[in-house]
Amino acid sequence: MKGCAGWKDAIAGCALGKTPEPEFAGHLAVCSQCRNALQESQATAARMDQARHRGAAVEPPWYGPERVMARIHMQTAGQTDEQTHARAWRRWAVVGSAVLALSIAIAMWMRRPAPDADVIAFSTWRSPTQALLRPPVAAAWATTPRLGEGFFKIRPSGETHAQ
């Protein structure tokens, strides 16, 4: 015959829902210590099951699709399916309108008319005053003579002229 320490596995199995073997059932009828241990184990298992069910019913795990579906359900709790679909259609309508407006704006910008030749000519026009007031030697003042060159060219006839 087993001692009370030998029935630990049987007590754990019965606490988790296993049916007791006839030999263990006979021991439980005579041993109050094992009977109390079995009752405590069954109570602990029941409390653990209740806590697990409460936790699962209150909040799904962070990582699974249950959490996502619960959040979607909480967001749409007070709305009917028609309201949810109408809101989704409104969102897509706004996005579609924005895309359409942007594409029209791009098409209009791409097809804009080229500026007229008169406009281009007017925008590049410069006053002739500067050219008229420039002295004839201004080109020589803008450059520096290189080594061996002079400012005035000397012709073989002996006349000097500015470059």
N, C-alpha and C. Protein backbone atom coordinates (compact mmCIF):
# COMPACT_ATOMS: atom_id res chain seq x y z
N MET A 1 0.84 -1.18 0.00
CA MET A 1 0.00 0.00 0.00
C MET A 1 0.88 1.23 0.00
N LYS A 2 0.49 2.26 -0.80
CA LYS A 2 1.24 3.51 -0.90
C LYS A 2 0.98 4.36 0.32
N GLY A 3 2.00 5.21 0.63
CA GLY A 3 1.80 6.22 1.66
C GLY A 3 1.12 7.44 1.03
N CYS A 4 0.81 8.42 1.86
CA CYS A 4 0.12 9.62 1.36
C CYS A 4 0.98 10.38 0.34
N ALA A 5 2.30 10.35 0.48
CA ALA A 5 3.17 11.05 -0.46
C ALA A 5 3.13 10.39 -1.84
N GLY A 6 2.78 9.14 -1.93
CA GLY A 6 2.71 8.42 -3.19
C GLY A 6 1.47 8.77 -4.00
N TRP A 7 0.50 9.45 -3.41
CA TRP A 7 -0.75 9.78 -4.09
C TRP A 7 -0.75 11.22 -4.67
N LYS A 8 0.39 11.89 -4.67
CA LYS A 8 0.42 13.28 -5.14
C LYS A 8 0.02 13.40 -6.61
N ASP A 9 0.51 12.49 -7.45
CA ASP A 9 0.16 12.53 -8.86
C ASP A 9 -1.32 12.26 -9.07
N ALA A 10 -1.88 11.35 -8.30
CA ALA A 10 -3.31 11.03 -8.41
C ALA A 10 -4.15 12.22 -7.95
N ILE A 11 -3.71 12.90 -6.88
CA ILE A 11 -4.43 14.09 -6.39
C ILE A 11 -4.41 15.17 -7.47
N ALA A 12 -3.23 15.42 -8.07
CA ALA A 12 -3.12 16.44 -9.12
C ALA A 12 -3.99 16.08 -10.32
N GLY A 13 -4.00 14.82 -10.72
CA GLY A 13 -4.82 14.40 -11.86
C GLY A 13 -6.30 14.56 -11.58
N CYS A 14 -6.74 14.20 -10.38
CA CYS A 14 -8.15 14.34 -10.03
C CYS A 14 -8.54 15.81 -9.92
N ALA A 15 -7.62 16.67 -9.44
CA ALA A 15 -7.91 18.10 -9.34
C ALA A 15 -8.11 18.71 -10.72
N LEU A 16 -7.44 18.16 -11.73
CA LEU A 16 -7.56 18.68 -13.09
C LEU A 16 -8.70 18.03 -13.88
N GLY A 17 -9.47 17.14 -13.24
CA GLY A 17 -10.65 16.59 -13.88
C GLY A 17 -10.57 15.11 -14.21
N LYS A 18 -9.49 14.44 -13.87
CA LYS A 18 -9.36 13.01 -14.17
C LYS A 18 -10.20 12.22 -13.14
N THR A 19 -10.79 11.14 -13.58
CA THR A 19 -11.58 10.33 -12.64
C THR A 19 -10.62 9.49 -11.79
N PRO A 20 -10.89 9.42 -10.48
CA PRO A 20 -9.98 8.68 -9.61
C PRO A 20 -10.05 7.16 -9.86
N GLU A 21 -8.89 6.53 -9.75
CA GLU A 21 -8.83 5.07 -9.89
C GLU A 21 -9.45 4.44 -8.64
N PRO A 22 -9.91 3.19 -8.75
CA PRO A 22 -10.58 2.56 -7.59
C PRO A 22 -9.68 2.47 -6.35
N GLU A 23 -8.41 2.24 -6.56
CA GLU A 23 -7.49 2.13 -5.41
C GLU A 23 -7.36 3.49 -4.71
N PHE A 24 -7.26 4.57 -5.51
CA PHE A 24 -7.15 5.91 -4.94
C PHE A 24 -8.47 6.32 -4.29
N ALA A 25 -9.59 5.93 -4.89
CA ALA A 25 -10.89 6.26 -4.31
C ALA A 25 -11.04 5.59 -2.94
N GLY A 26 -10.54 4.37 -2.83
CA GLY A 26 -10.59 3.68 -1.53
C GLY A 26 -9.71 4.38 -0.51
N HIS A 27 -8.55 4.89 -0.94
CA HIS A 27 -7.65 5.61 -0.02
C HIS A 27 -8.30 6.91 0.43
N LEU A 28 -8.99 7.60 -0.47
CA LEU A 28 -9.65 8.86 -0.11
C LEU A 28 -10.74 8.63 0.92
N ALA A 29 -11.40 7.46 0.87
CA ALA A 29 -12.47 7.17 1.83
C ALA A 29 -11.93 7.07 3.25
N VAL A 30 -10.66 6.65 3.42
CA VAL A 30 -10.12 6.46 4.77
C VAL A 30 -9.16 7.57 5.19
N CYS A 31 -8.58 8.34 4.25
CA CYS A 31 -7.55 9.33 4.59
C CYS A 31 -8.11 10.74 4.43
N SER A 32 -8.31 11.42 5.55
CA SER A 32 -8.86 12.78 5.50
C SER A 32 -7.80 13.79 4.99
N GLN A 33 -6.53 13.49 5.24
CA GLN A 33 -5.47 14.39 4.78
C GLN A 33 -5.43 14.45 3.25
N CYS A 34 -5.52 13.33 2.58
CA CYS A 34 -5.52 13.30 1.12
C CYS A 34 -6.83 13.88 0.58
N ARG A 35 -7.94 13.62 1.29
CA ARG A 35 -9.22 14.18 0.88
C ARG A 35 -9.17 15.72 0.92
N ASN A 36 -8.61 16.28 2.01
CA ASN A 36 -8.46 17.74 2.13
C ASN A 36 -7.51 18.29 1.06
N ALA A 37 -6.42 17.57 0.78
CA ALA A 37 -5.48 18.01 -0.25
C ALA A 37 -6.15 18.02 -1.62
N LEU A 38 -6.99 16.99 -1.88
CA LEU A 38 -7.71 16.95 -3.15
C LEU A 38 -8.70 18.10 -3.26
N GLN A 39 -9.42 18.39 -2.17
CA GLN A 39 -10.38 19.50 -2.19
C GLN A 39 -9.67 20.85 -2.41
N GLU A 40 -8.53 21.04 -1.75
CA GLU A 40 -7.77 22.29 -1.93
C GLU A 40 -7.24 22.41 -3.37
N SER A 41 -6.77 21.30 -3.91
CA SER A 41 -6.27 21.31 -5.29
C SER A 41 -7.40 21.60 -6.28
N GLN A 42 -8.57 20.99 -6.03
CA GLN A 42 -9.72 21.26 -6.91
C GLN A 42 -10.17 22.71 -6.80
N ALA A 43 -10.15 23.28 -5.61
CA ALA A 43 -10.54 24.68 -5.42
C ALA A 43 -9.55 25.61 -6.13
N THR A 44 -8.26 25.30 -6.00
CA THR A 44 -7.23 26.12 -6.67
C THR A 44 -7.38 26.04 -8.19
N ALA A 45 -7.63 24.85 -8.71
CA ALA A 45 -7.81 24.68 -10.16
C ALA A 45 -9.06 25.44 -10.63
N ALA A 46 -10.13 25.40 -9.80
CA ALA A 46 -11.36 26.12 -10.17
C ALA A 46 -11.12 27.63 -10.18
N ARG A 47 -10.38 28.14 -9.18
CA ARG A 47 -10.07 29.58 -9.15
C ARG A 47 -9.21 29.98 -10.35
N MET A 48 -8.26 29.14 -10.70
CA MET A 48 -7.41 29.43 -11.86
C MET A 48 -8.23 29.45 -13.15
N ASP A 49 -9.16 28.50 -13.29
CA ASP A 49 -10.02 28.47 -14.47
C ASP A 49 -10.90 29.71 -14.55
N GLN A 50 -11.46 30.11 -13.40
CA GLN A 50 -12.30 31.32 -13.37
C GLN A 50 -11.49 32.56 -13.75
N ALA A 51 -10.29 32.68 -13.21
CA ALA A 51 -9.44 33.84 -13.52
C ALA A 51 -9.07 33.84 -15.00
N ARG A 52 -8.77 32.67 -15.53
CA ARG A 52 -8.42 32.59 -16.93
C ARG A 52 -9.60 32.97 -17.82
N HIS A 53 -10.79 32.50 -17.47
CA HIS A 53 -11.97 32.84 -18.26
C HIS A 53 -12.32 34.33 -18.13
N ARG A 54 -12.17 34.87 -16.92
CA ARG A 54 -12.42 36.31 -16.75
C ARG A 54 -11.44 37.14 -17.55
N GLY A 55 -10.18 36.77 -17.51
CA GLY A 55 -9.16 37.50 -18.27
C GLY A 55 -9.39 37.39 -19.77
N ALA A 56 -9.79 36.22 -20.22
CA ALA A 56 -10.02 36.03 -21.66
C ALA A 56 -11.27 36.77 -22.10
N ALA A 57 -12.28 36.86 -21.22
CA ALA A 57 -13.51 37.54 -21.59
C ALA A 57 -13.34 39.06 -21.55
N VAL A 58 -12.51 39.54 -20.64
CA VAL A 58 -12.35 40.99 -20.49
C VAL A 58 -11.46 41.57 -21.58
N GLU A 59 -10.30 41.01 -21.77
CA GLU A 59 -9.36 41.59 -22.71
C GLU A 59 -8.57 40.49 -23.42
N PRO A 60 -8.63 40.48 -24.73
CA PRO A 60 -7.86 39.48 -25.47
C PRO A 60 -6.37 39.80 -25.42
N PRO A 61 -5.54 38.85 -25.79
CA PRO A 61 -4.10 39.10 -25.74
C PRO A 61 -3.68 40.20 -26.71
N TRP A 62 -2.56 40.84 -26.42
CA TRP A 62 -2.06 41.98 -27.20
C TRP A 62 -1.62 41.56 -28.59
N TYR A 63 -1.25 40.33 -28.76
CA TYR A 63 -0.57 39.93 -29.98
C TYR A 63 -1.46 39.27 -31.03
N GLY A 64 -2.66 38.91 -30.70
CA GLY A 64 -3.42 38.09 -31.62
C GLY A 64 -4.50 38.83 -32.38
N PRO A 65 -5.12 38.14 -33.33
CA PRO A 65 -6.20 38.75 -34.09
C PRO A 65 -7.43 39.01 -33.23
N GLU A 66 -7.54 38.30 -32.10
CA GLU A 66 -8.67 38.55 -31.21
C GLU A 66 -8.64 39.97 -30.69
N ARG A 67 -7.44 40.48 -30.40
CA ARG A 67 -7.29 41.85 -29.90
C ARG A 67 -7.72 42.86 -30.97
N VAL A 68 -7.31 42.61 -32.19
CA VAL A 68 -7.67 43.52 -33.28
C VAL A 68 -9.19 43.50 -33.50
N MET A 69 -9.77 42.32 -33.53
CA MET A 69 -11.21 42.23 -33.76
C MET A 69 -11.98 42.86 -32.60
N ALA A 70 -11.51 42.68 -31.36
CA ALA A 70 -12.18 43.29 -30.22
C ALA A 70 -12.11 44.81 -30.30
N ARG A 71 -11.00 45.34 -30.73
CA ARG A 71 -10.86 46.80 -30.86
C ARG A 71 -11.78 47.33 -31.96
N ILE A 72 -11.85 46.62 -33.07
CA ILE A 72 -12.76 47.03 -34.14
C ILE A 72 -14.20 47.00 -33.64
N HIS A 73 -14.53 45.96 -32.88
CA HIS A 73 -15.89 45.85 -32.35
C HIS A 73 -16.18 46.98 -31.37
N MET A 74 -15.21 47.37 -30.55
CA MET A 74 -15.43 48.47 -29.60
C MET A 74 -15.62 49.78 -30.34
N GLN A 75 -14.89 50.00 -31.44
CA GLN A 75 -15.01 51.26 -32.18
C GLN A 75 -16.34 51.37 -32.90
N THR A 76 -16.85 50.26 -33.36
CA THR A 76 -18.09 50.30 -34.12
C THR A 76 -19.27 49.80 -33.29
N ALA A 77 -19.15 49.82 -31.97
CA ALA A 77 -20.17 49.23 -31.10
C ALA A 77 -21.54 49.88 -31.29
N GLY A 78 -21.62 51.18 -31.33
CA GLY A 78 -22.91 51.84 -31.40
C GLY A 78 -23.39 52.07 -32.82
N GLN A 79 -22.75 51.53 -33.81
CA GLN A 79 -23.12 51.82 -35.19
C GLN A 79 -23.64 50.56 -35.88
N THR A 80 -24.56 50.79 -36.79
CA THR A 80 -25.06 49.67 -37.58
C THR A 80 -24.11 49.43 -38.74
N ASP A 81 -24.33 48.35 -39.43
CA ASP A 81 -23.49 48.05 -40.59
C ASP A 81 -23.64 49.10 -41.68
N GLU A 82 -24.85 49.62 -41.84
CA GLU A 82 -25.08 50.64 -42.87
C GLU A 82 -24.29 51.91 -42.56
N GLN A 83 -24.26 52.30 -41.28
CA GLN A 83 -23.51 53.50 -40.90
C GLN A 83 -22.02 53.29 -41.13
N THR A 84 -21.53 52.12 -40.79
CA THR A 84 -20.12 51.82 -40.98
C THR A 84 -19.75 51.86 -42.46
N HIS A 85 -20.58 51.26 -43.31
CA HIS A 85 -20.32 51.26 -44.74
C HIS A 85 -20.42 52.67 -45.32
N ALA A 86 -21.39 53.45 -44.84
CA ALA A 86 -21.53 54.82 -45.33
C ALA A 86 -20.31 55.65 -44.98
N ARG A 87 -19.79 55.47 -43.77
CA ARG A 87 -18.60 56.22 -43.37
C ARG A 87 -17.39 55.80 -44.21
N ALA A 88 -17.27 54.52 -44.49
CA ALA A 88 -16.16 54.05 -45.32
C ALA A 88 -16.28 54.61 -46.73
N TRP A 89 -17.50 54.66 -47.29
CA TRP A 89 -17.68 55.21 -48.63
C TRP A 89 -17.36 56.70 -48.66
N ARG A 90 -17.72 57.42 -47.58
CA ARG A 90 -17.39 58.85 -47.53
C ARG A 90 -15.89 59.05 -47.52
N ARG A 91 -15.19 58.25 -46.78
CA ARG A 91 -13.72 58.37 -46.74
C ARG A 91 -13.13 58.14 -48.13
N TRP A 92 -13.57 57.08 -48.80
CA TRP A 92 -13.05 56.79 -50.13
C TRP A 92 -13.45 57.87 -51.13
N ALA A 93 -14.63 58.46 -50.96
CA ALA A 93 -15.05 59.54 -51.85
C ALA A 93 -14.16 60.76 -51.68
N VAL A 94 -13.80 61.07 -50.44
CA VAL A 94 -12.91 62.21 -50.19
C VAL A 94 -11.53 61.95 -50.80
N VAL A 95 -11.01 60.75 -50.61
CA VAL A 95 -9.70 60.41 -51.17
C VAL A 95 -9.75 60.45 -52.70
N GLY A 96 -10.80 59.92 -53.29
CA GLY A 96 -10.94 59.93 -54.74
C GLY A 96 -11.05 61.35 -55.28
N SER A 97 -11.79 62.20 -54.59
CA SER A 97 -11.92 63.59 -55.03
C SER A 97 -10.58 64.30 -54.98
N ALA A 98 -9.82 64.06 -53.93
CA ALA A 98 -8.50 64.70 -53.82
C ALA A 98 -7.58 64.23 -54.94
N VAL A 99 -7.60 62.95 -55.25
CA VAL A 99 -6.75 62.42 -56.33
C VAL A 99 -7.19 63.00 -57.67
N LEU A 100 -8.49 63.09 -57.90
CA LEU A 100 -9.00 63.65 -59.14
C LEU A 100 -8.62 65.11 -59.29
N ALA A 101 -8.76 65.90 -58.23
CA ALA A 101 -8.40 67.32 -58.28
C ALA A 101 -6.90 67.48 -58.56
N LEU A 102 -6.08 66.67 -57.93
CA LEU A 102 -4.63 66.74 -58.14
C LEU A 102 -4.28 66.38 -59.59
N SER A 103 -4.90 65.36 -60.13
CA SER A 103 -4.59 64.96 -61.51
C SER A 103 -5.06 66.03 -62.50
N ILE A 104 -6.19 66.69 -62.25
CA ILE A 104 -6.65 67.77 -63.12
C ILE A 104 -5.67 68.93 -63.07
N ALA A 105 -5.21 69.28 -61.85
CA ALA A 105 -4.26 70.38 -61.71
C ALA A 105 -2.96 70.08 -62.45
N ILE A 106 -2.48 68.85 -62.36
CA ILE A 106 -1.24 68.47 -63.05
C ILE A 106 -1.45 68.53 -64.56
N ALA A 107 -2.60 68.04 -65.06
CA ALA A 107 -2.88 68.06 -66.50
C ALA A 107 -2.97 69.50 -67.01
N MET A 108 -3.59 70.39 -66.25
CA MET A 108 -3.69 71.78 -66.67
C MET A 108 -2.32 72.44 -66.69
N TRP A 109 -1.51 72.14 -65.74
CA TRP A 109 -0.17 72.73 -65.69
C TRP A 109 0.68 72.24 -66.85
N MET A 110 0.54 70.96 -67.18
CA MET A 110 1.32 70.39 -68.28
C MET A 110 0.88 70.96 -69.64
N ARG A 111 -0.39 71.34 -69.78
CA ARG A 111 -0.91 71.82 -71.05
C ARG A 111 -0.97 73.35 -71.12
N ARG A 112 -0.32 74.02 -70.22
CA ARG A 112 -0.36 75.49 -70.23
C ARG A 112 0.27 76.00 -71.52
N PRO A 113 -0.19 77.14 -72.04
CA PRO A 113 0.35 77.65 -73.31
C PRO A 113 1.76 78.19 -73.10
N ALA A 114 2.54 78.09 -74.17
CA ALA A 114 3.91 78.61 -74.13
C ALA A 114 3.84 80.14 -74.20
N PRO A 115 4.74 80.85 -73.56
CA PRO A 115 4.71 82.31 -73.61
C PRO A 115 4.97 82.81 -75.03
N ASP A 116 4.35 83.93 -75.37
CA ASP A 116 4.51 84.52 -76.71
C ASP A 116 5.93 85.02 -76.89
N ALA A 117 6.33 85.17 -78.16
CA ALA A 117 7.66 85.67 -78.48
C ALA A 117 7.81 87.12 -78.03
N ASP A 118 6.70 87.89 -78.07
CA ASP A 118 6.76 89.28 -77.63
C ASP A 118 7.04 89.36 -76.13
N VAL A 119 6.45 88.47 -75.38
CA VAL A 119 6.66 88.46 -73.93
C VAL A 119 8.11 88.11 -73.63
N ILE A 120 8.63 87.12 -74.32
CA ILE A 120 10.03 86.73 -74.10
C ILE A 120 10.96 87.87 -74.49
N ALA A 121 10.67 88.52 -75.64
CA ALA A 121 11.52 89.63 -76.08
C ALA A 121 11.47 90.79 -75.09
N PHE A 122 10.28 91.08 -74.56
CA PHE A 122 10.16 92.18 -73.61
C PHE A 122 10.88 91.86 -72.30
N SER A 123 10.84 90.60 -71.90
CA SER A 123 11.49 90.24 -70.64
C SER A 123 13.02 90.26 -70.75
N THR A 124 13.56 90.14 -71.97
CA THR A 124 15.02 90.18 -72.13
C THR A 124 15.51 91.53 -72.65
N TRP A 125 14.65 92.51 -72.81
CA TRP A 125 15.01 93.82 -73.36
C TRP A 125 15.86 94.59 -72.37
N ARG A 126 16.90 95.23 -72.88
CA ARG A 126 17.76 96.07 -72.06
C ARG A 126 17.81 97.46 -72.70
N SER A 127 17.93 98.44 -71.90
CA SER A 127 17.98 99.83 -72.38
C SER A 127 19.26 100.06 -73.18
N PRO A 128 19.16 100.78 -74.30
CA PRO A 128 20.36 101.04 -75.11
C PRO A 128 21.24 102.13 -74.51
N THR A 129 20.82 102.72 -73.42
CA THR A 129 21.57 103.81 -72.83
C THR A 129 22.98 103.38 -72.47
N GLN A 130 23.13 102.25 -71.88
CA GLN A 130 24.46 101.79 -71.46
C GLN A 130 25.37 101.61 -72.68
N ALA A 131 24.85 101.06 -73.74
CA ALA A 131 25.67 100.83 -74.93
C ALA A 131 26.05 102.16 -75.59
N LEU A 132 25.14 103.12 -75.56
CA LEU A 132 25.42 104.41 -76.20
C LEU A 132 26.42 105.23 -75.41
N LEU A 133 26.40 105.08 -74.10
CA LEU A 133 27.28 105.88 -73.26
C LEU A 133 28.63 105.23 -73.03
N ARG A 134 28.83 104.06 -73.51
CA ARG A 134 30.09 103.37 -73.30
C ARG A 134 31.15 103.99 -74.22
N PRO A 135 32.33 104.31 -73.68
CA PRO A 135 33.39 104.88 -74.51
C PRO A 135 33.98 103.83 -75.43
N PRO A 136 34.63 104.22 -76.49
CA PRO A 136 35.17 103.24 -77.43
C PRO A 136 36.27 102.37 -76.83
N VAL A 137 36.94 102.80 -75.78
CA VAL A 137 38.03 102.01 -75.20
C VAL A 137 37.55 101.14 -74.04
N ALA A 138 36.24 101.03 -73.82
CA ALA A 138 35.70 100.25 -72.69
C ALA A 138 36.09 98.79 -72.78
N ALA A 139 36.19 98.26 -73.98
CA ALA A 139 36.59 96.86 -74.12
C ALA A 139 38.01 96.66 -73.64
N ALA A 140 38.87 97.64 -73.85
CA ALA A 140 40.26 97.53 -73.39
C ALA A 140 40.33 97.63 -71.87
N TRP A 141 39.41 98.38 -71.28
CA TRP A 141 39.42 98.50 -69.82
C TRP A 141 38.94 97.23 -69.14
N ALA A 142 38.15 96.45 -69.83
CA ALA A 142 37.58 95.24 -69.23
C ALA A 142 38.57 94.10 -69.20
N THR A 143 39.62 94.16 -70.02
CA THR A 143 40.59 93.06 -70.05
C THR A 143 41.94 93.58 -69.62
N THR A 144 42.78 92.71 -69.17
CA THR A 144 44.14 93.05 -68.79
C THR A 144 45.08 92.56 -69.89
N PRO A 145 46.02 93.41 -70.32
CA PRO A 145 46.93 92.95 -71.38
C PRO A 145 47.83 91.84 -70.87
N ARG A 146 48.14 90.89 -71.74
CA ARG A 146 49.04 89.80 -71.38
C ARG A 146 50.47 90.29 -71.53
N LEU A 147 51.37 89.55 -70.99
CA LEU A 147 52.78 89.92 -71.04
C LEU A 147 53.25 90.03 -72.49
N GLY A 148 53.85 91.13 -72.79
CA GLY A 148 54.35 91.35 -74.14
C GLY A 148 53.37 92.10 -75.02
N GLU A 149 52.17 92.30 -74.58
CA GLU A 149 51.19 93.05 -75.34
C GLU A 149 51.06 94.44 -74.74
N GLY A 150 50.64 95.34 -75.49
CA GLY A 150 50.42 96.68 -74.99
C GLY A 150 48.98 97.06 -75.12
N PHE A 151 48.65 98.20 -74.55
CA PHE A 151 47.29 98.68 -74.63
C PHE A 151 46.99 99.20 -76.03
N PHE A 152 47.94 99.89 -76.60
CA PHE A 152 47.76 100.43 -77.95
C PHE A 152 48.54 99.58 -78.93
N LYS A 153 47.93 99.30 -80.07
CA LYS A 153 48.65 98.59 -81.13
C LYS A 153 49.41 99.63 -81.95
N ILE A 154 50.61 99.34 -82.29
CA ILE A 154 51.42 100.24 -83.10
C ILE A 154 51.46 99.66 -84.51
N ARG A 155 51.03 100.45 -85.45
CA ARG A 155 51.01 100.00 -86.83
C ARG A 155 52.38 100.30 -87.45
N PRO A 156 52.70 99.60 -88.50
CA PRO A 156 54.00 99.84 -89.15
C PRO A 156 54.16 101.28 -89.65
N SER A 157 53.07 101.96 -89.86
CA SER A 157 53.19 103.35 -90.33
C SER A 157 53.52 104.29 -89.19
N GLY A 158 53.46 103.78 -87.93
CA GLY A 158 53.80 104.59 -86.79
C GLY A 158 52.58 105.14 -86.07
N GLU A 159 51.39 104.90 -86.58
CA GLU A 159 50.18 105.40 -85.90
C GLU A 159 49.81 104.44 -84.76
N THR A 160 49.24 105.02 -83.73
CA THR A 160 48.78 104.19 -82.58
C THR A 160 47.27 104.26 -82.51
N HIS A 161 46.69 103.15 -82.31
CA HIS A 161 45.22 103.06 -82.12
C HIS A 161 44.93 102.16 -80.94
N ALA A 162 43.90 102.52 -80.23
CA ALA A 162 43.48 101.67 -79.09
C ALA A 162 42.83 100.40 -79.62
N GLN A 163 42.93 99.38 -78.87
CA GLN A 163 42.35 98.11 -79.30
C GLN A 163 40.85 98.19 -79.33
